[in-house]
Amino acid sequence: MNEQKLYTLAVLVDNEAGVLSQVSRMFSRKGYNIESLAVGATSDPETSRITIEVFCTEDQITLLSYQLQKLYPVHSVKLLDQTNSIRRELVMIKVSTPTSAIRNEIIQISNIFRANIIDVSIATLTIAMIGDESKITGIEKILKEFEIIELVRTGYVALERGLQSIYEDTKEKGEFNYGKNVL
């Protein structure tokens, strides 16, 4: 029996209004909850890359990949191998610092985790950190001992290691010329 696990999909789509809605609606219609979603433009301003993480079985992720490929604005879909991918997320955490001793302690914690302090006020520190799940969970767990005022996470972005890319073996290869002007 297929066991559910977390899968990561990289999807290249047209960079235009409504595309993200189409993609997320497809998951909703099929009854899947998206665990993480990150979207951004690529080196080609007409193309965006969506990174989607979803819990499902191997058979279900195969079906979802085929369904995504059928959507008109989708150029390519690639299932990323967890062992051959780099996954990172950005987290920003605003922490209450009512005393200088607490402020100094939070600064030390930030340094240990190699996080950046991106805003300072008399009563708060805002920390930004990029990392994998264990690193983000670790700093979040420690900072919960203080008063976290606000916390926001971006969702994971992922790339394959080495020379592999989403552009390999896709219908885009040969059809589009990324980053080159053709006269």
N, C-alpha and C. Protein backbone atom coordinates (compact mmCIF):
# COMPACT_ATOMS: atom_id res chain seq x y z
N MET A 1 0.84 -1.19 0.00
CA MET A 1 0.00 0.00 0.00
C MET A 1 0.88 1.24 0.00
N ASN A 2 0.51 2.19 -0.83
CA ASN A 2 1.27 3.44 -0.90
C ASN A 2 1.07 4.26 0.36
N GLU A 3 2.15 4.71 0.91
CA GLU A 3 2.14 5.51 2.12
C GLU A 3 2.23 6.99 1.74
N GLN A 4 1.51 7.83 2.48
CA GLN A 4 1.57 9.26 2.21
C GLN A 4 2.88 9.83 2.73
N LYS A 5 3.47 10.72 1.93
CA LYS A 5 4.66 11.44 2.35
C LYS A 5 4.66 12.80 1.66
N LEU A 6 5.61 13.64 2.04
CA LEU A 6 5.69 14.98 1.48
C LEU A 6 6.42 14.94 0.15
N TYR A 7 5.78 15.47 -0.89
CA TYR A 7 6.37 15.57 -2.22
C TYR A 7 6.53 17.04 -2.59
N THR A 8 7.58 17.34 -3.34
CA THR A 8 7.83 18.70 -3.81
C THR A 8 7.77 18.72 -5.33
N LEU A 9 6.92 19.61 -5.85
CA LEU A 9 6.79 19.80 -7.30
C LEU A 9 7.32 21.18 -7.67
N ALA A 10 8.09 21.24 -8.75
CA ALA A 10 8.50 22.51 -9.34
C ALA A 10 7.71 22.66 -10.64
N VAL A 11 7.06 23.80 -10.80
CA VAL A 11 6.17 24.00 -11.93
C VAL A 11 6.52 25.32 -12.61
N LEU A 12 6.81 25.28 -13.90
CA LEU A 12 7.04 26.51 -14.68
C LEU A 12 5.72 26.89 -15.36
N VAL A 13 5.33 28.14 -15.18
CA VAL A 13 4.06 28.61 -15.71
C VAL A 13 4.22 29.98 -16.35
N ASP A 14 3.20 30.39 -17.13
CA ASP A 14 3.17 31.75 -17.64
C ASP A 14 3.08 32.71 -16.47
N ASN A 15 3.80 33.82 -16.54
CA ASN A 15 3.77 34.83 -15.50
C ASN A 15 2.66 35.82 -15.84
N GLU A 16 1.42 35.43 -15.50
CA GLU A 16 0.28 36.29 -15.79
C GLU A 16 -0.81 36.08 -14.74
N ALA A 17 -1.71 37.03 -14.68
CA ALA A 17 -2.78 36.99 -13.68
C ALA A 17 -3.63 35.74 -13.83
N GLY A 18 -3.99 35.15 -12.69
CA GLY A 18 -4.91 34.02 -12.67
C GLY A 18 -4.27 32.65 -12.73
N VAL A 19 -2.99 32.57 -13.06
CA VAL A 19 -2.34 31.26 -13.21
C VAL A 19 -2.24 30.55 -11.86
N LEU A 20 -1.80 31.26 -10.84
CA LEU A 20 -1.69 30.65 -9.51
C LEU A 20 -3.06 30.17 -9.04
N SER A 21 -4.08 30.93 -9.31
CA SER A 21 -5.43 30.53 -8.93
C SER A 21 -5.83 29.23 -9.62
N GLN A 22 -5.51 29.11 -10.91
CA GLN A 22 -5.81 27.88 -11.66
C GLN A 22 -5.12 26.67 -11.04
N VAL A 23 -3.84 26.83 -10.73
CA VAL A 23 -3.05 25.74 -10.19
C VAL A 23 -3.57 25.34 -8.81
N SER A 24 -3.79 26.31 -7.93
CA SER A 24 -4.25 25.97 -6.58
C SER A 24 -5.67 25.41 -6.60
N ARG A 25 -6.51 25.88 -7.51
CA ARG A 25 -7.87 25.34 -7.64
C ARG A 25 -7.85 23.87 -8.04
N MET A 26 -6.88 23.50 -8.88
CA MET A 26 -6.79 22.10 -9.29
C MET A 26 -6.54 21.20 -8.08
N PHE A 27 -5.64 21.63 -7.18
CA PHE A 27 -5.38 20.85 -5.98
C PHE A 27 -6.62 20.78 -5.10
N SER A 28 -7.30 21.89 -4.96
CA SER A 28 -8.51 21.95 -4.14
C SER A 28 -9.61 21.04 -4.69
N ARG A 29 -9.81 21.09 -6.01
CA ARG A 29 -10.83 20.24 -6.65
C ARG A 29 -10.55 18.77 -6.43
N LYS A 30 -9.27 18.40 -6.40
CA LYS A 30 -8.89 17.00 -6.22
C LYS A 30 -8.86 16.60 -4.75
N GLY A 31 -9.08 17.58 -3.84
CA GLY A 31 -9.15 17.28 -2.41
C GLY A 31 -7.81 17.25 -1.69
N TYR A 32 -6.80 17.94 -2.22
CA TYR A 32 -5.48 17.96 -1.59
C TYR A 32 -5.23 19.31 -0.95
N ASN A 33 -4.58 19.27 0.21
CA ASN A 33 -4.18 20.50 0.88
C ASN A 33 -2.72 20.78 0.52
N ILE A 34 -2.45 21.98 0.05
CA ILE A 34 -1.07 22.38 -0.26
C ILE A 34 -0.40 22.73 1.06
N GLU A 35 0.67 22.03 1.39
CA GLU A 35 1.39 22.26 2.64
C GLU A 35 2.27 23.50 2.56
N SER A 36 2.87 23.74 1.40
CA SER A 36 3.75 24.88 1.20
C SER A 36 3.64 25.32 -0.25
N LEU A 37 3.66 26.64 -0.45
CA LEU A 37 3.52 27.20 -1.79
C LEU A 37 4.38 28.45 -1.89
N ALA A 38 5.24 28.50 -2.88
CA ALA A 38 6.08 29.67 -3.11
C ALA A 38 6.10 29.94 -4.62
N VAL A 39 5.96 31.21 -4.99
CA VAL A 39 5.89 31.59 -6.39
C VAL A 39 6.79 32.79 -6.63
N GLY A 40 7.48 32.78 -7.76
CA GLY A 40 8.29 33.93 -8.13
C GLY A 40 8.68 33.87 -9.58
N ALA A 41 9.04 35.02 -10.12
CA ALA A 41 9.49 35.10 -11.50
C ALA A 41 10.83 34.39 -11.65
N THR A 42 11.10 33.91 -12.85
CA THR A 42 12.38 33.28 -13.16
C THR A 42 13.26 34.29 -13.87
N SER A 43 14.35 33.83 -14.46
CA SER A 43 15.22 34.74 -15.23
C SER A 43 14.50 35.26 -16.47
N ASP A 44 13.46 34.57 -16.90
CA ASP A 44 12.60 35.03 -17.99
C ASP A 44 11.38 35.70 -17.37
N PRO A 45 11.21 37.00 -17.55
CA PRO A 45 10.09 37.71 -16.91
C PRO A 45 8.71 37.22 -17.34
N GLU A 46 8.63 36.44 -18.40
CA GLU A 46 7.34 35.93 -18.84
C GLU A 46 7.00 34.58 -18.20
N THR A 47 7.92 34.06 -17.38
CA THR A 47 7.74 32.75 -16.76
C THR A 47 7.91 32.85 -15.25
N SER A 48 7.03 32.19 -14.51
CA SER A 48 7.15 32.07 -13.06
C SER A 48 7.40 30.62 -12.69
N ARG A 49 7.98 30.44 -11.53
CA ARG A 49 8.22 29.09 -11.00
C ARG A 49 7.42 28.96 -9.72
N ILE A 50 6.64 27.90 -9.64
CA ILE A 50 5.85 27.61 -8.45
C ILE A 50 6.45 26.37 -7.80
N THR A 51 6.73 26.46 -6.51
CA THR A 51 7.17 25.30 -5.75
C THR A 51 6.01 24.92 -4.84
N ILE A 52 5.54 23.69 -4.99
CA ILE A 52 4.38 23.21 -4.25
C ILE A 52 4.79 21.97 -3.46
N GLU A 53 4.42 21.94 -2.19
CA GLU A 53 4.64 20.74 -1.38
C GLU A 53 3.29 20.22 -0.94
N VAL A 54 3.10 18.90 -1.08
CA VAL A 54 1.81 18.27 -0.78
C VAL A 54 2.05 16.88 -0.21
N PHE A 55 1.24 16.51 0.80
CA PHE A 55 1.26 15.15 1.33
C PHE A 55 0.32 14.29 0.49
N CYS A 56 0.86 13.19 -0.05
CA CYS A 56 0.03 12.26 -0.82
C CYS A 56 0.84 10.98 -1.05
N THR A 57 0.25 10.06 -1.77
CA THR A 57 0.93 8.80 -2.10
C THR A 57 1.69 8.99 -3.41
N GLU A 58 2.51 8.01 -3.74
CA GLU A 58 3.27 8.06 -5.00
C GLU A 58 2.32 8.07 -6.20
N ASP A 59 1.28 7.24 -6.16
CA ASP A 59 0.31 7.21 -7.26
C ASP A 59 -0.40 8.56 -7.39
N GLN A 60 -0.75 9.16 -6.25
CA GLN A 60 -1.45 10.44 -6.28
C GLN A 60 -0.57 11.57 -6.83
N ILE A 61 0.72 11.58 -6.47
CA ILE A 61 1.60 12.65 -6.98
C ILE A 61 1.81 12.50 -8.48
N THR A 62 1.84 11.27 -8.96
CA THR A 62 1.95 11.04 -10.40
C THR A 62 0.72 11.59 -11.10
N LEU A 63 -0.46 11.31 -10.57
CA LEU A 63 -1.70 11.82 -11.15
C LEU A 63 -1.75 13.35 -11.09
N LEU A 64 -1.36 13.92 -9.96
CA LEU A 64 -1.35 15.39 -9.83
C LEU A 64 -0.39 16.02 -10.85
N SER A 65 0.76 15.40 -11.05
CA SER A 65 1.73 15.92 -12.03
C SER A 65 1.13 15.92 -13.43
N TYR A 66 0.46 14.83 -13.81
CA TYR A 66 -0.17 14.76 -15.14
C TYR A 66 -1.29 15.80 -15.27
N GLN A 67 -2.06 15.98 -14.21
CA GLN A 67 -3.15 16.96 -14.25
C GLN A 67 -2.59 18.38 -14.39
N LEU A 68 -1.50 18.67 -13.69
CA LEU A 68 -0.87 19.99 -13.81
C LEU A 68 -0.37 20.24 -15.23
N GLN A 69 0.25 19.22 -15.84
CA GLN A 69 0.78 19.36 -17.19
C GLN A 69 -0.30 19.67 -18.21
N LYS A 70 -1.53 19.29 -17.92
CA LYS A 70 -2.63 19.53 -18.85
C LYS A 70 -3.13 20.98 -18.82
N LEU A 71 -2.81 21.72 -17.75
CA LEU A 71 -3.26 23.11 -17.66
C LEU A 71 -2.54 23.95 -18.70
N TYR A 72 -3.31 24.80 -19.38
CA TYR A 72 -2.76 25.59 -20.49
C TYR A 72 -1.53 26.43 -20.12
N PRO A 73 -1.55 27.18 -19.00
CA PRO A 73 -0.40 28.05 -18.72
C PRO A 73 0.82 27.33 -18.16
N VAL A 74 0.74 26.01 -17.98
CA VAL A 74 1.85 25.25 -17.41
C VAL A 74 2.80 24.80 -18.52
N HIS A 75 4.08 25.17 -18.38
CA HIS A 75 5.10 24.77 -19.35
C HIS A 75 5.71 23.42 -19.00
N SER A 76 6.02 23.23 -17.70
CA SER A 76 6.62 21.96 -17.29
C SER A 76 6.38 21.73 -15.81
N VAL A 77 6.42 20.45 -15.45
CA VAL A 77 6.24 20.02 -14.07
C VAL A 77 7.35 19.03 -13.77
N LYS A 78 8.01 19.20 -12.64
CA LYS A 78 9.06 18.27 -12.26
C LYS A 78 8.91 17.90 -10.79
N LEU A 79 8.90 16.62 -10.52
CA LEU A 79 8.88 16.11 -9.17
C LEU A 79 10.33 16.11 -8.68
N LEU A 80 10.59 16.84 -7.61
CA LEU A 80 11.95 16.95 -7.10
C LEU A 80 12.25 15.83 -6.12
N ASP A 81 13.36 15.18 -6.32
CA ASP A 81 13.83 14.12 -5.43
C ASP A 81 14.35 14.77 -4.15
N GLN A 82 13.80 14.38 -3.02
CA GLN A 82 14.18 14.99 -1.74
C GLN A 82 15.67 14.86 -1.43
N THR A 83 16.28 13.76 -1.85
CA THR A 83 17.70 13.55 -1.55
C THR A 83 18.62 14.32 -2.50
N ASN A 84 18.10 14.78 -3.62
CA ASN A 84 18.92 15.48 -4.60
C ASN A 84 18.44 16.92 -4.80
N SER A 85 17.80 17.48 -3.79
CA SER A 85 17.27 18.84 -3.88
C SER A 85 17.70 19.66 -2.67
N ILE A 86 17.74 20.95 -2.89
CA ILE A 86 18.01 21.89 -1.82
C ILE A 86 16.69 22.63 -1.56
N ARG A 87 16.19 22.56 -0.32
CA ARG A 87 14.93 23.21 0.07
C ARG A 87 15.26 24.26 1.12
N ARG A 88 14.72 25.46 0.92
CA ARG A 88 14.94 26.53 1.89
C ARG A 88 13.67 27.35 2.04
N GLU A 89 13.53 27.93 3.24
CA GLU A 89 12.40 28.78 3.54
C GLU A 89 12.91 30.01 4.27
N LEU A 90 12.23 31.13 4.08
CA LEU A 90 12.53 32.36 4.80
C LEU A 90 11.51 32.50 5.92
N VAL A 91 11.99 32.83 7.12
CA VAL A 91 11.11 33.11 8.24
C VAL A 91 11.51 34.47 8.81
N MET A 92 10.50 35.27 9.16
CA MET A 92 10.74 36.53 9.88
C MET A 92 9.97 36.44 11.19
N ILE A 93 10.66 36.79 12.28
CA ILE A 93 10.07 36.67 13.61
C ILE A 93 10.29 37.99 14.35
N LYS A 94 9.18 38.58 14.82
CA LYS A 94 9.26 39.79 15.64
C LYS A 94 9.08 39.36 17.09
N VAL A 95 10.08 39.71 17.92
CA VAL A 95 10.11 39.27 19.31
C VAL A 95 10.11 40.49 20.22
N SER A 96 9.34 40.39 21.30
CA SER A 96 9.30 41.46 22.30
C SER A 96 10.62 41.49 23.07
N THR A 97 11.16 42.69 23.27
CA THR A 97 12.41 42.85 24.02
C THR A 97 12.21 43.96 25.07
N PRO A 98 11.51 43.63 26.15
CA PRO A 98 11.21 44.66 27.15
C PRO A 98 12.43 45.14 27.94
N THR A 99 13.50 44.33 27.96
CA THR A 99 14.71 44.75 28.69
C THR A 99 15.93 44.55 27.81
N SER A 100 17.00 45.22 28.17
CA SER A 100 18.24 45.08 27.39
C SER A 100 18.82 43.68 27.56
N ALA A 101 18.61 43.04 28.70
CA ALA A 101 19.11 41.68 28.91
C ALA A 101 18.42 40.70 27.95
N ILE A 102 17.12 40.84 27.79
CA ILE A 102 16.39 39.98 26.85
C ILE A 102 16.83 40.28 25.43
N ARG A 103 17.01 41.57 25.10
CA ARG A 103 17.47 41.95 23.75
C ARG A 103 18.81 41.30 23.46
N ASN A 104 19.74 41.35 24.39
CA ASN A 104 21.06 40.75 24.20
C ASN A 104 20.98 39.24 24.05
N GLU A 105 20.11 38.61 24.82
CA GLU A 105 19.94 37.16 24.72
C GLU A 105 19.40 36.76 23.35
N ILE A 106 18.45 37.52 22.83
CA ILE A 106 17.88 37.23 21.51
C ILE A 106 18.92 37.48 20.42
N ILE A 107 19.74 38.50 20.58
CA ILE A 107 20.82 38.75 19.62
C ILE A 107 21.80 37.57 19.60
N GLN A 108 22.12 37.03 20.76
CA GLN A 108 23.02 35.87 20.83
C GLN A 108 22.39 34.64 20.17
N ILE A 109 21.12 34.42 20.41
CA ILE A 109 20.42 33.30 19.77
C ILE A 109 20.45 33.48 18.25
N SER A 110 20.20 34.69 17.80
CA SER A 110 20.23 34.98 16.35
C SER A 110 21.61 34.67 15.77
N ASN A 111 22.64 35.06 16.47
CA ASN A 111 24.01 34.80 16.00
C ASN A 111 24.29 33.31 15.91
N ILE A 112 23.85 32.54 16.90
CA ILE A 112 24.06 31.09 16.89
C ILE A 112 23.40 30.46 15.66
N PHE A 113 22.20 30.93 15.32
CA PHE A 113 21.47 30.37 14.18
C PHE A 113 21.83 31.05 12.86
N ARG A 114 22.76 32.01 12.89
CA ARG A 114 23.16 32.78 11.71
C ARG A 114 21.96 33.50 11.08
N ALA A 115 21.10 34.00 11.93
CA ALA A 115 19.95 34.78 11.50
C ALA A 115 20.36 36.25 11.47
N ASN A 116 19.62 37.04 10.72
CA ASN A 116 19.90 38.48 10.61
C ASN A 116 18.85 39.27 11.38
N ILE A 117 19.31 40.27 12.08
CA ILE A 117 18.38 41.19 12.73
C ILE A 117 18.11 42.29 11.71
N ILE A 118 16.85 42.38 11.30
CA ILE A 118 16.52 43.29 10.20
C ILE A 118 15.76 44.54 10.65
N ASP A 119 15.32 44.55 11.92
CA ASP A 119 14.66 45.74 12.45
C ASP A 119 14.82 45.76 13.96
N VAL A 120 15.11 46.95 14.47
CA VAL A 120 15.29 47.13 15.91
C VAL A 120 14.46 48.31 16.36
N SER A 121 13.71 48.11 17.44
CA SER A 121 13.03 49.23 18.09
C SER A 121 13.30 49.10 19.58
N ILE A 122 12.81 50.03 20.36
CA ILE A 122 13.03 49.98 21.80
C ILE A 122 12.39 48.72 22.39
N ALA A 123 11.26 48.30 21.83
CA ALA A 123 10.50 47.20 22.42
C ALA A 123 10.56 45.88 21.65
N THR A 124 11.17 45.88 20.43
CA THR A 124 11.16 44.65 19.62
C THR A 124 12.46 44.48 18.83
N LEU A 125 12.69 43.23 18.44
CA LEU A 125 13.71 42.87 17.45
C LEU A 125 13.01 42.03 16.40
N THR A 126 13.31 42.28 15.13
CA THR A 126 12.79 41.44 14.07
C THR A 126 13.95 40.70 13.44
N ILE A 127 13.80 39.38 13.38
CA ILE A 127 14.86 38.49 12.92
C ILE A 127 14.42 37.86 11.60
N ALA A 128 15.34 37.74 10.65
CA ALA A 128 15.09 37.03 9.40
C ALA A 128 16.11 35.91 9.27
N MET A 129 15.63 34.75 8.81
CA MET A 129 16.52 33.62 8.65
C MET A 129 16.07 32.75 7.49
N ILE A 130 17.03 32.29 6.73
CA ILE A 130 16.78 31.33 5.65
C ILE A 130 17.36 30.00 6.08
N GLY A 131 16.56 28.93 5.93
CA GLY A 131 17.09 27.64 6.33
C GLY A 131 16.18 26.50 5.98
N ASP A 132 16.62 25.31 6.37
CA ASP A 132 15.79 24.13 6.17
C ASP A 132 14.83 24.00 7.35
N GLU A 133 14.00 23.00 7.29
CA GLU A 133 12.93 22.84 8.28
C GLU A 133 13.46 22.73 9.71
N SER A 134 14.53 21.97 9.91
CA SER A 134 15.04 21.78 11.28
C SER A 134 15.61 23.07 11.86
N LYS A 135 16.27 23.85 11.05
CA LYS A 135 16.85 25.11 11.53
C LYS A 135 15.74 26.10 11.89
N ILE A 136 14.73 26.20 11.05
CA ILE A 136 13.63 27.14 11.31
C ILE A 136 12.82 26.69 12.53
N THR A 137 12.56 25.41 12.63
CA THR A 137 11.83 24.88 13.78
C THR A 137 12.64 25.11 15.06
N GLY A 138 13.96 24.96 14.97
CA GLY A 138 14.82 25.14 16.13
C GLY A 138 14.78 26.55 16.68
N ILE A 139 14.95 27.56 15.81
CA ILE A 139 14.94 28.93 16.31
C ILE A 139 13.55 29.32 16.80
N GLU A 140 12.53 28.84 16.11
CA GLU A 140 11.16 29.14 16.52
C GLU A 140 10.87 28.57 17.92
N LYS A 141 11.32 27.35 18.16
CA LYS A 141 11.11 26.70 19.46
C LYS A 141 11.80 27.48 20.58
N ILE A 142 13.02 27.92 20.34
CA ILE A 142 13.76 28.68 21.36
C ILE A 142 13.13 30.05 21.60
N LEU A 143 12.72 30.72 20.52
CA LEU A 143 12.17 32.07 20.68
C LEU A 143 10.77 32.06 21.29
N LYS A 144 10.10 30.90 21.29
CA LYS A 144 8.79 30.80 21.95
C LYS A 144 8.91 31.02 23.45
N GLU A 145 10.11 30.83 24.00
CA GLU A 145 10.33 31.10 25.42
C GLU A 145 10.25 32.60 25.72
N PHE A 146 10.40 33.40 24.69
CA PHE A 146 10.21 34.84 24.80
C PHE A 146 8.82 35.14 24.22
N GLU A 147 8.47 36.37 24.09
CA GLU A 147 7.16 36.70 23.51
C GLU A 147 7.31 36.95 22.01
N ILE A 148 6.86 36.00 21.20
CA ILE A 148 6.84 36.21 19.75
C ILE A 148 5.59 37.03 19.43
N ILE A 149 5.80 38.20 18.87
CA ILE A 149 4.68 39.09 18.54
C ILE A 149 4.08 38.70 17.20
N GLU A 150 4.96 38.38 16.25
CA GLU A 150 4.52 38.03 14.91
C GLU A 150 5.54 37.09 14.29
N LEU A 151 5.05 36.18 13.46
CA LEU A 151 5.91 35.24 12.76
C LEU A 151 5.32 35.01 11.38
N VAL A 152 6.16 35.03 10.37
CA VAL A 152 5.70 34.75 9.01
C VAL A 152 6.74 33.87 8.31
N ARG A 153 6.22 32.87 7.58
CA ARG A 153 7.08 31.96 6.81
C ARG A 153 6.66 32.03 5.35
N THR A 154 7.64 31.93 4.46
CA THR A 154 7.35 32.09 3.03
C THR A 154 6.82 30.85 2.36
N GLY A 155 7.11 29.69 2.87
CA GLY A 155 6.90 28.45 2.13
C GLY A 155 8.23 28.10 1.47
N TYR A 156 8.41 26.84 1.17
CA TYR A 156 9.70 26.37 0.67
C TYR A 156 9.89 26.64 -0.81
N VAL A 157 11.11 27.00 -1.16
CA VAL A 157 11.56 27.00 -2.55
C VAL A 157 12.58 25.88 -2.64
N ALA A 158 12.70 25.29 -3.82
CA ALA A 158 13.60 24.15 -3.96
C ALA A 158 14.23 24.14 -5.35
N LEU A 159 15.47 23.71 -5.40
CA LEU A 159 16.21 23.50 -6.64
C LEU A 159 16.92 22.17 -6.55
N GLU A 160 17.09 21.53 -7.69
CA GLU A 160 17.87 20.30 -7.73
C GLU A 160 19.35 20.64 -7.66
N ARG A 161 20.10 19.74 -7.08
CA ARG A 161 21.56 19.92 -6.98
C ARG A 161 22.21 19.66 -8.34
N GLY A 162 23.39 20.25 -8.52
CA GLY A 162 24.19 19.98 -9.71
C GLY A 162 23.61 20.57 -10.97
N LEU A 163 23.84 19.89 -12.09
CA LEU A 163 23.44 20.39 -13.40
C LEU A 163 21.97 20.14 -13.73
N GLN A 164 21.30 19.30 -12.97
CA GLN A 164 19.89 19.02 -13.26
C GLN A 164 19.06 20.28 -13.07
N SER A 165 18.05 20.45 -13.93
CA SER A 165 17.17 21.61 -13.80
C SER A 165 15.79 21.27 -14.31
N ILE A 166 14.88 22.16 -14.05
CA ILE A 166 13.50 21.98 -14.50
C ILE A 166 13.40 22.09 -16.02
N TYR A 167 14.39 22.68 -16.66
CA TYR A 167 14.34 22.87 -18.11
C TYR A 167 14.69 21.61 -18.89
N GLU A 168 15.21 20.58 -18.23
CA GLU A 168 15.56 19.35 -18.92
C GLU A 168 14.32 18.56 -19.29
N ASP A 169 14.34 17.97 -20.45
CA ASP A 169 13.27 17.06 -20.88
C ASP A 169 11.87 17.65 -20.74
N THR A 170 11.73 18.91 -21.13
CA THR A 170 10.41 19.52 -21.08
C THR A 170 10.04 19.99 -22.46
N LYS A 171 8.77 20.32 -22.64
CA LYS A 171 8.32 20.79 -23.93
C LYS A 171 8.92 22.16 -24.26
N GLU A 172 9.48 22.85 -23.23
CA GLU A 172 10.08 24.15 -23.48
C GLU A 172 11.42 24.04 -24.20
N LYS A 173 12.14 22.97 -23.96
CA LYS A 173 13.48 22.84 -24.52
C LYS A 173 13.41 22.95 -26.04
N GLY A 174 14.10 23.90 -26.58
CA GLY A 174 14.11 24.10 -28.02
C GLY A 174 13.02 25.05 -28.50
N GLU A 175 11.96 25.24 -27.71
CA GLU A 175 10.88 26.13 -28.13
C GLU A 175 11.14 27.56 -27.69
N PHE A 176 11.79 27.72 -26.55
CA PHE A 176 12.03 29.04 -25.99
C PHE A 176 13.51 29.23 -25.82
N ASN A 177 13.94 30.47 -25.83
CA ASN A 177 15.35 30.79 -25.69
C ASN A 177 15.51 31.67 -24.46
N TYR A 178 15.73 31.06 -23.29
CA TYR A 178 15.80 31.79 -22.05
C TYR A 178 17.04 32.66 -21.98
N GLY A 179 16.83 33.95 -21.70
CA GLY A 179 17.92 34.86 -21.44
C GLY A 179 18.75 35.24 -22.66
N LYS A 180 18.33 34.87 -23.85
CA LYS A 180 19.10 35.21 -25.06
C LYS A 180 18.21 35.95 -26.03
N ASN A 181 18.75 36.99 -26.60
CA ASN A 181 18.00 37.74 -27.62
C ASN A 181 18.29 37.13 -28.98
N VAL A 182 17.26 36.79 -29.67
CA VAL A 182 17.40 36.22 -31.00
C VAL A 182 17.02 37.30 -32.00
N LEU A 183 17.92 37.60 -32.88
CA LEU A 183 17.66 38.64 -33.89
C LEU A 183 17.30 38.03 -35.22
